[in-house]
Amino acid sequence: MFPSTTANALDARARAPEAMRPRANGKQRGRGTRWGRSKRFQVVAVDPKNPLGRANARGIVPGMGPGAREWRLIHKELKTKYRMPTVSSAECAKMMRQGGKPATLLDVRFGPDFEQWAVPGSVSVPYVEGGILAKLRLPGFKKVNARFVDDVERAIPDKTTKIILCDIWGGSLEREPPENKSFTDPTKGAGSLPAAFELYQAGYKNLYHLRGGVNQYFEDCETNKDLPEPDPKSWPGNLEWFGYRQFNGKDRARGQRDD
């Protein structure tokens, strides 16, 4: 014998919005779910109704991920409000060698990538993280490190330190984001600029951006022998299939997808 349906339950079902009522085939209209089983949703990072973003518990608006500010607004703020400088590989190396209080090169790439190859003397605080599937470089399994600012504060507690941020290929503050959103945006990079946006909000004062990212540093080592040279065997930039070399449009688009 089937369990009875109470009058209250029937009344509640009658009052429910049509989009939320179960259908005969077990599907629920709208929202892409089924009754009795969950379905994976795609998280939209920037809310089109709130392009300014939503601050987290610390009062920091994310640069990427859920609650993030629209990238064009972040880009403008980094240029006009914070006046964030961009430095070359040679300038970066010089700042890291200077006496007194040398600069710190902060590598925000995915942790396993840093372990494979990195600029000598750099410090790793990943802006993105993920588990085993992310380590296999499967798309869609990385997420923004929600503890990024806290991790940087532990690694570099002095907020007056000169910090040069880098990712895989950099992005750019020296050009404007494209007007057409359907184009791949070469200005956003793979995390260093959104990460800087969060660090500025946390009170860090002396932030710099490495032009061209870690890829460009390794490329510059081939012509500038004054740069502290990493092990060239560790750099997968010459292996196009590896997904790292982003010096032409095809590889750059792939790098943006992966990182």
Protein backbone atom coordinates (compact mmCIF):
# COMPACT_ATOMS: atom_id res chain seq x y z
CA MET A 1 0.00 0.00 0.00
CA PHE A 2 1.34 3.40 -0.95
CA PRO A 3 1.78 6.03 1.77
CA SER A 4 -0.95 8.63 1.81
CA THR A 5 -0.40 12.24 0.74
CA THR A 6 -1.59 14.72 3.33
CA ALA A 7 -3.81 17.67 2.50
CA ASN A 8 -1.07 20.07 3.56
CA ALA A 9 1.35 18.50 1.13
CA LEU A 10 -1.16 18.72 -1.71
CA ASP A 11 -1.88 22.33 -0.85
CA ALA A 12 1.82 23.19 -0.76
CA ARG A 13 2.32 21.57 -4.16
CA ALA A 14 -0.56 23.55 -5.61
CA ARG A 15 0.93 26.82 -4.32
CA ALA A 16 4.45 26.05 -5.60
CA PRO A 17 5.66 27.96 -8.67
CA GLU A 18 5.01 26.02 -11.87
CA ALA A 19 8.75 25.87 -12.63
CA MET A 20 9.38 24.05 -9.35
CA ARG A 21 6.68 21.38 -9.61
CA PRO A 22 7.74 17.79 -10.39
CA ARG A 23 6.70 16.51 -13.77
CA ALA A 24 5.38 13.06 -14.59
CA ASN A 25 8.74 11.90 -15.95
CA GLY A 26 10.48 12.79 -12.70
CA LYS A 27 12.18 15.92 -14.03
CA GLN A 28 11.98 19.33 -12.47
CA ARG A 29 11.59 22.31 -14.76
CA GLY A 30 14.22 25.01 -14.69
CA ARG A 31 17.55 24.87 -12.83
CA GLY A 32 18.62 21.62 -14.54
CA THR A 33 18.02 19.21 -11.65
CA ARG A 34 16.06 16.02 -11.00
CA TRP A 35 13.99 15.14 -8.00
CA GLY A 36 15.90 12.76 -5.78
CA ARG A 37 19.29 13.19 -7.46
CA SER A 38 21.69 16.07 -7.80
CA LYS A 39 23.26 17.37 -10.98
CA ARG A 40 26.58 19.17 -11.38
CA PHE A 41 26.23 22.90 -11.90
CA GLN A 42 28.66 25.21 -13.65
CA VAL A 43 29.63 28.06 -11.35
CA VAL A 44 29.60 31.46 -13.03
CA ALA A 45 32.37 33.53 -11.45
CA VAL A 46 31.24 37.08 -12.27
CA ASP A 47 27.63 37.95 -11.55
CA PRO A 48 26.41 40.04 -14.51
CA LYS A 49 24.03 41.83 -12.16
CA ASN A 50 26.90 42.76 -9.83
CA PRO A 51 30.06 43.44 -11.89
CA LEU A 52 31.73 45.04 -8.87
CA GLY A 53 31.85 41.65 -7.18
CA ARG A 54 31.08 40.48 -3.67
CA ALA A 55 33.51 40.83 -0.76
CA ASN A 56 34.44 37.74 1.23
CA ALA A 57 34.56 37.42 5.03
CA ARG A 58 37.77 39.48 5.11
CA GLY A 59 36.23 42.28 3.07
CA ILE A 60 38.29 41.39 -0.03
CA VAL A 61 36.63 41.20 -3.44
CA PRO A 62 38.09 38.20 -5.32
CA GLY A 63 40.03 38.72 -8.52
CA MET A 64 38.82 35.39 -9.92
CA GLY A 65 36.25 32.77 -9.00
CA PRO A 66 32.86 33.15 -7.32
CA GLY A 67 32.13 36.74 -6.30
CA ALA A 68 34.89 38.16 -8.52
CA ARG A 69 34.87 41.66 -9.90
CA GLU A 70 34.61 42.01 -13.67
CA TRP A 71 38.09 41.82 -15.21
CA ARG A 72 37.89 45.10 -17.13
CA LEU A 73 37.18 46.90 -13.83
CA ILE A 74 40.09 45.13 -12.10
CA HIS A 75 42.41 46.00 -14.98
CA LYS A 76 41.46 49.67 -14.79
CA GLU A 77 41.86 49.74 -11.01
CA LEU A 78 45.33 48.16 -11.13
CA LYS A 79 46.40 50.80 -13.66
CA THR A 80 44.74 53.96 -12.32
CA LYS A 81 44.20 53.47 -8.59
CA TYR A 82 47.21 51.35 -7.67
CA ARG A 83 49.46 52.30 -10.61
CA MET A 84 51.00 48.84 -10.57
CA PRO A 85 54.38 48.82 -12.38
CA THR A 86 55.42 46.14 -14.86
CA VAL A 87 59.05 44.98 -14.84
CA SER A 88 61.16 42.95 -17.27
CA SER A 89 63.08 39.80 -16.42
CA ALA A 90 66.31 41.80 -16.11
CA GLU A 91 64.69 44.39 -13.84
CA CYS A 92 63.21 41.59 -11.74
CA ALA A 93 66.62 39.93 -11.26
CA LYS A 94 68.18 43.28 -10.33
CA MET A 95 65.48 44.00 -7.73
CA MET A 96 65.98 40.54 -6.21
CA ARG A 97 69.74 41.16 -5.89
CA GLN A 98 69.66 44.68 -4.51
CA GLY A 99 71.11 45.25 -1.05
CA GLY A 100 69.17 46.18 2.05
CA LYS A 101 65.70 44.88 1.35
CA PRO A 102 65.59 42.84 -1.87
CA ALA A 103 62.37 42.16 -3.72
CA THR A 104 60.57 38.82 -3.53
CA LEU A 105 59.43 37.08 -6.69
CA LEU A 106 56.05 35.54 -5.87
CA ASP A 107 55.09 32.69 -8.19
CA VAL A 108 51.32 32.12 -8.06
CA ARG A 109 51.19 29.15 -10.44
CA PHE A 110 49.69 25.78 -9.58
CA GLY A 111 51.94 24.13 -6.98
CA PRO A 112 52.97 21.04 -9.01
CA ASP A 113 54.03 23.31 -11.89
CA PHE A 114 56.30 25.32 -9.58
CA GLU A 115 57.87 22.11 -8.31
CA GLN A 116 58.74 21.09 -11.87
CA TRP A 117 60.33 24.38 -12.98
CA ALA A 118 60.69 27.84 -11.46
CA VAL A 119 62.80 31.00 -11.44
CA PRO A 120 65.70 30.68 -8.95
CA GLY A 121 64.92 32.38 -5.64
CA SER A 122 61.18 32.67 -6.24
CA VAL A 123 58.58 31.90 -3.57
CA SER A 124 55.52 29.77 -4.32
CA VAL A 125 52.05 30.69 -3.07
CA PRO A 126 49.53 29.17 -5.51
CA TYR A 127 46.57 31.28 -6.57
CA VAL A 128 44.89 28.17 -7.99
CA GLU A 129 44.70 24.70 -6.51
CA GLY A 130 43.27 21.28 -7.26
CA GLY A 131 43.53 17.57 -6.59
CA ILE A 132 44.78 14.61 -8.59
CA LEU A 133 42.68 15.37 -11.67
CA ALA A 134 44.02 18.93 -11.75
CA LYS A 135 47.57 17.57 -11.56
CA LEU A 136 46.78 15.52 -14.64
CA ARG A 137 45.97 18.87 -16.32
CA LEU A 138 42.39 17.91 -17.03
CA PRO A 139 40.41 21.11 -17.68
CA GLY A 140 37.82 22.21 -15.15
CA PHE A 141 39.37 20.74 -12.01
CA LYS A 142 41.29 23.76 -10.73
CA LYS A 143 39.79 26.40 -8.50
CA VAL A 144 40.91 29.65 -6.95
CA ASN A 145 42.75 29.24 -3.65
CA ALA A 146 40.34 30.86 -1.20
CA ARG A 147 43.17 31.09 1.37
CA PHE A 148 45.56 32.86 -1.00
CA VAL A 149 45.84 36.15 0.92
CA ASP A 150 46.24 34.31 4.23
CA ASP A 151 48.97 32.14 2.69
CA VAL A 152 50.84 35.19 1.39
CA GLU A 153 50.62 36.88 4.78
CA ARG A 154 52.30 33.85 6.34
CA ALA A 155 54.99 33.68 3.64
CA ILE A 156 55.61 37.46 3.40
CA PRO A 157 54.26 39.11 6.56
CA ASP A 158 55.90 42.51 5.92
CA LYS A 159 53.42 44.34 3.69
CA THR A 160 56.01 46.93 2.67
CA THR A 161 58.13 44.26 0.93
CA LYS A 162 58.60 44.72 -2.79
CA ILE A 163 56.75 41.78 -4.33
CA ILE A 164 56.96 40.88 -8.02
CA LEU A 165 54.06 38.64 -9.02
CA CYS A 166 54.35 36.13 -11.84
CA ASP A 167 52.35 33.35 -13.42
CA ILE A 168 52.87 31.22 -16.52
CA TRP A 169 52.70 33.94 -19.19
CA GLY A 170 51.81 37.13 -17.38
CA GLY A 171 48.91 38.93 -18.95
CA SER A 172 49.40 42.67 -19.40
CA LEU A 173 48.67 46.08 -17.91
CA GLU A 174 50.39 47.67 -20.90
CA ARG A 175 47.46 47.08 -23.24
CA GLU A 176 43.70 47.31 -22.85
CA PRO A 177 41.35 44.31 -22.60
CA PRO A 178 39.53 43.59 -25.89
CA GLU A 179 36.12 45.15 -26.34
CA ASN A 180 34.70 41.98 -27.87
CA LYS A 181 34.21 39.47 -25.05
CA SER A 182 34.19 36.57 -27.49
CA PHE A 183 37.93 37.04 -28.07
CA THR A 184 40.58 35.42 -25.90
CA ASP A 185 41.72 38.13 -23.49
CA PRO A 186 45.53 38.37 -23.51
CA THR A 187 45.57 40.91 -20.68
CA LYS A 188 44.23 38.73 -17.86
CA GLY A 189 47.04 36.20 -17.70
CA ALA A 190 46.83 33.14 -15.49
CA GLY A 191 46.42 34.57 -12.01
CA SER A 192 49.17 37.07 -11.17
CA LEU A 193 47.12 40.22 -11.85
CA PRO A 194 43.89 39.01 -10.16
CA ALA A 195 46.10 37.90 -7.25
CA ALA A 196 47.67 41.36 -7.06
CA PHE A 197 44.19 42.89 -6.94
CA GLU A 198 43.47 40.88 -3.79
CA LEU A 199 46.83 41.69 -2.18
CA TYR A 200 46.36 45.42 -2.70
CA GLN A 201 43.06 45.17 -0.85
CA ALA A 202 44.84 43.32 1.98
CA GLY A 203 47.25 46.23 2.46
CA TYR A 204 50.32 45.26 0.42
CA LYS A 205 51.85 48.44 -0.99
CA ASN A 206 54.79 47.61 -3.27
CA LEU A 207 53.54 45.17 -5.88
CA TYR A 208 55.05 44.67 -9.33
CA HIS A 209 54.11 42.53 -12.31
CA LEU A 210 56.59 40.38 -14.26
CA ARG A 211 56.15 41.01 -17.97
CA GLY A 212 55.58 37.76 -19.84
CA GLY A 213 55.60 35.63 -16.71
CA VAL A 214 57.86 32.66 -16.04
CA ASN A 215 57.83 31.67 -19.71
CA GLN A 216 59.36 34.99 -20.74
CA TYR A 217 62.01 34.72 -18.02
CA PHE A 218 63.15 31.35 -19.36
CA GLU A 219 63.07 32.74 -22.89
CA ASP A 220 65.18 35.75 -21.83
CA CYS A 221 67.77 33.45 -20.25
CA GLU A 222 68.72 32.34 -23.75
CA THR A 223 69.94 35.84 -24.66
CA ASN A 224 70.66 37.56 -21.33
CA LYS A 225 73.45 35.72 -19.53
CA ASP A 226 73.20 38.06 -16.53
CA LEU A 227 69.96 36.41 -15.45
CA PRO A 228 70.19 33.69 -12.78
CA GLU A 229 69.71 30.75 -15.10
CA PRO A 230 67.49 27.86 -14.06
CA ASP A 231 68.03 24.34 -15.27
CA PRO A 232 67.00 24.56 -18.95
CA LYS A 233 66.10 20.87 -18.93
CA SER A 234 63.29 21.59 -16.48
CA TRP A 235 61.58 24.08 -18.81
CA PRO A 236 58.93 22.44 -21.00
CA GLY A 237 58.54 25.58 -23.11
CA ASN A 238 60.13 23.99 -26.16
CA LEU A 239 57.65 21.12 -26.06
CA GLU A 240 54.49 22.52 -27.59
CA TRP A 241 52.39 19.51 -26.64
CA PHE A 242 53.12 20.13 -22.96
CA GLY A 243 50.78 23.12 -23.02
CA TYR A 244 53.20 25.69 -21.63
CA ARG A 245 54.74 27.61 -24.50
CA GLN A 246 52.49 30.59 -25.16
CA PHE A 247 54.36 32.74 -27.65
CA ASN A 248 51.79 32.39 -30.40
CA GLY A 249 48.02 32.57 -30.44
CA LYS A 250 47.32 28.84 -30.46
CA ASP A 251 49.52 28.04 -27.46
CA ARG A 252 48.45 31.13 -25.56
CA ALA A 253 44.81 30.12 -25.82
CA ARG A 254 45.71 26.65 -24.59
CA GLY A 255 47.73 28.03 -21.69
CA GLN A 256 44.85 30.25 -20.65
CA ARG A 257 42.57 27.21 -20.64
CA ASP A 258 44.94 25.06 -18.61
CA ASP A 259 46.13 27.64 -16.11
